[in-house]
Amino acid sequence: MKLVNVAMAFSLIVACAAAVLWHTELRAPPPEDVCAHLMSLAREDADARFDERRCLRRLQPPKKFGVLPYAKRMKCMRDAGSFAAAMECRLRA
């Protein structure tokens, strides 16, 4: 009976660790939030051209792209301070 309790405790710890990892690293912000942020940055930049519908289409997670690079790129774009910095995130990640 003691072995079963230890196994259940270990399983619970692993499940919690997996949930924390997913929430912090692998979960990308929604494309709608990223596009809204990019639109606000484009309004500040006089040279920026921005189409919200095209943004939403392009920022959907593609099937062949890995989860981690997509999440990193989306977080970088969401946290960018300028429109030019956000466009660099597209090229880097």
C-alpha atoms as a PDB file:
ATOM      1  CA  MET A   1       0.000   0.000   0.000  1.00  0.00           C
ATOM      2  CA  LYS A   2       2.874   2.359   0.748  1.00  0.00           C
ATOM      3  CA  LEU A   3       4.345   1.771  -2.723  1.00  0.00           C
ATOM      4  CA  VAL A   4       1.036   2.770  -4.319  1.00  0.00           C
ATOM      5  CA  ASN A   5       1.011   6.045  -2.358  1.00  0.00           C
ATOM      6  CA  VAL A   6       4.566   6.823  -3.424  1.00  0.00           C
ATOM      7  CA  ALA A   7       3.738   6.073  -7.055  1.00  0.00           C
ATOM      8  CA  MET A   8       0.652   8.298  -6.906  1.00  0.00           C
ATOM      9  CA  ALA A   9       2.637  11.142  -5.318  1.00  0.00           C
ATOM     10  CA  PHE A  10       5.345  10.818  -7.975  1.00  0.00           C
ATOM     11  CA  SER A  11       2.729  10.844 -10.747  1.00  0.00           C
ATOM     12  CA  LEU A  12       1.137  13.953  -9.280  1.00  0.00           C
ATOM     13  CA  ILE A  13       4.488  15.746  -9.122  1.00  0.00           C
ATOM     14  CA  VAL A  14       5.280  14.844 -12.751  1.00  0.00           C
ATOM     15  CA  ALA A  15       1.848  15.997 -13.893  1.00  0.00           C
ATOM     16  CA  CYS A  16       2.225  19.311 -12.073  1.00  0.00           C
ATOM     17  CA  ALA A  17       5.692  19.848 -13.548  1.00  0.00           C
ATOM     18  CA  ALA A  18       4.361  19.139 -17.041  1.00  0.00           C
ATOM     19  CA  ALA A  19       1.495  21.591 -16.541  1.00  0.00           C
ATOM     20  CA  VAL A  20       3.845  24.329 -15.347  1.00  0.00           C
ATOM     21  CA  LEU A  21       6.198  23.724 -18.278  1.00  0.00           C
ATOM     22  CA  TRP A  22       3.334  23.892 -20.760  1.00  0.00           C
ATOM     23  CA  HIS A  23       1.928  27.048 -19.220  1.00  0.00           C
ATOM     24  CA  THR A  24       5.240  28.922 -19.074  1.00  0.00           C
ATOM     25  CA  GLU A  25       7.123  27.747 -22.161  1.00  0.00           C
ATOM     26  CA  LEU A  26       4.924  26.030 -24.710  1.00  0.00           C
ATOM     27  CA  ARG A  27       1.742  28.089 -24.578  1.00  0.00           C
ATOM     28  CA  ALA A  28       1.722  30.857 -27.158  1.00  0.00           C
ATOM     29  CA  PRO A  29      -0.413  33.974 -26.792  1.00  0.00           C
ATOM     30  CA  PRO A  30      -3.486  34.013 -29.049  1.00  0.00           C
ATOM     31  CA  PRO A  31      -2.941  35.505 -32.516  1.00  0.00           C
ATOM     32  CA  GLU A  32      -5.708  38.048 -31.841  1.00  0.00           C
ATOM     33  CA  ASP A  33      -3.759  39.534 -28.912  1.00  0.00           C
ATOM     34  CA  VAL A  34      -0.520  39.659 -30.894  1.00  0.00           C
ATOM     35  CA  CYS A  35      -2.232  41.313 -33.874  1.00  0.00           C
ATOM     36  CA  ALA A  36      -3.886  43.878 -31.588  1.00  0.00           C
ATOM     37  CA  HIS A  37      -0.474  44.709 -30.107  1.00  0.00           C
ATOM     38  CA  LEU A  38       1.064  44.959 -33.580  1.00  0.00           C
ATOM     39  CA  MET A  39      -1.751  47.259 -34.681  1.00  0.00           C
ATOM     40  CA  SER A  40      -1.123  49.597 -31.752  1.00  0.00           C
ATOM     41  CA  LEU A  41       2.601  49.620 -32.612  1.00  0.00           C
ATOM     42  CA  ALA A  42       1.836  50.286 -36.288  1.00  0.00           C
ATOM     43  CA  ARG A  43      -0.290  53.308 -35.370  1.00  0.00           C
ATOM     44  CA  GLU A  44       2.723  54.823 -33.595  1.00  0.00           C
ATOM     45  CA  ASP A  45       5.062  54.152 -36.530  1.00  0.00           C
ATOM     46  CA  ALA A  46       4.322  56.359 -39.537  1.00  0.00           C
ATOM     47  CA  ASP A  47       6.105  54.050 -42.013  1.00  0.00           C
ATOM     48  CA  ALA A  48       4.352  50.837 -40.945  1.00  0.00           C
ATOM     49  CA  ARG A  49       1.777  49.212 -43.185  1.00  0.00           C
ATOM     50  CA  PHE A  50      -0.529  46.819 -41.380  1.00  0.00           C
ATOM     51  CA  ASP A  51      -3.495  44.679 -42.391  1.00  0.00           C
ATOM     52  CA  GLU A  52      -5.231  43.027 -39.441  1.00  0.00           C
ATOM     53  CA  ARG A  53      -6.937  40.274 -41.461  1.00  0.00           C
ATOM     54  CA  ARG A  54      -3.655  39.294 -43.090  1.00  0.00           C
ATOM     55  CA  CYS A  55      -1.990  39.337 -39.679  1.00  0.00           C
ATOM     56  CA  LEU A  56      -4.540  36.921 -38.248  1.00  0.00           C
ATOM     57  CA  ARG A  57      -4.089  34.561 -41.206  1.00  0.00           C
ATOM     58  CA  ARG A  58      -0.296  34.629 -41.029  1.00  0.00           C
ATOM     59  CA  LEU A  59      -0.039  34.161 -37.260  1.00  0.00           C
ATOM     60  CA  GLN A  60      -2.134  31.011 -37.083  1.00  0.00           C
ATOM     61  CA  PRO A  61       0.013  28.106 -35.922  1.00  0.00           C
ATOM     62  CA  PRO A  62       0.998  26.073 -38.978  1.00  0.00           C
ATOM     63  CA  LYS A  63       0.836  22.317 -38.721  1.00  0.00           C
ATOM     64  CA  LYS A  64       4.442  21.675 -39.763  1.00  0.00           C
ATOM     65  CA  PHE A  65       5.976  24.292 -37.460  1.00  0.00           C
ATOM     66  CA  GLY A  66       7.157  23.236 -33.989  1.00  0.00           C
ATOM     67  CA  VAL A  67       5.325  24.368 -30.877  1.00  0.00           C
ATOM     68  CA  LEU A  68       8.343  25.872 -29.119  1.00  0.00           C
ATOM     69  CA  PRO A  69       9.600  28.089 -31.996  1.00  0.00           C
ATOM     70  CA  TYR A  70       6.034  29.300 -32.643  1.00  0.00           C
ATOM     71  CA  ALA A  71       5.514  30.155 -28.966  1.00  0.00           C
ATOM     72  CA  LYS A  72       8.859  31.983 -28.794  1.00  0.00           C
ATOM     73  CA  ARG A  73       8.080  33.997 -31.920  1.00  0.00           C
ATOM     74  CA  MET A  74       4.620  34.967 -30.685  1.00  0.00           C
ATOM     75  CA  LYS A  75       5.921  35.977 -27.244  1.00  0.00           C
ATOM     76  CA  CYS A  76       8.688  38.031 -28.839  1.00  0.00           C
ATOM     77  CA  MET A  77       6.200  39.842 -31.065  1.00  0.00           C
ATOM     78  CA  ARG A  78       3.819  40.421 -28.152  1.00  0.00           C
ATOM     79  CA  ASP A  79       6.595  41.880 -25.967  1.00  0.00           C
ATOM     80  CA  ALA A  80       8.209  44.044 -28.673  1.00  0.00           C
ATOM     81  CA  GLY A  81       8.452  47.748 -27.957  1.00  0.00           C
ATOM     82  CA  SER A  82       8.364  48.931 -31.563  1.00  0.00           C
ATOM     83  CA  PHE A  83       6.954  47.757 -34.859  1.00  0.00           C
ATOM     84  CA  ALA A  84      10.448  47.258 -36.298  1.00  0.00           C
ATOM     85  CA  ALA A  85      11.434  45.089 -33.323  1.00  0.00           C
ATOM     86  CA  ALA A  86       8.299  42.994 -33.801  1.00  0.00           C
ATOM     87  CA  MET A  87       9.155  42.439 -37.466  1.00  0.00           C
ATOM     88  CA  GLU A  88      12.649  41.307 -36.439  1.00  0.00           C
ATOM     89  CA  CYS A  89      11.013  38.639 -34.258  1.00  0.00           C
ATOM     90  CA  ARG A  90       9.439  37.155 -37.385  1.00  0.00           C
ATOM     91  CA  LEU A  91      12.846  36.751 -38.974  1.00  0.00           C
ATOM     92  CA  ARG A  92      14.731  35.564 -35.879  1.00  0.00           C
ATOM     93  CA  ALA A  93      12.449  32.862 -34.548  1.00  0.00           C
END
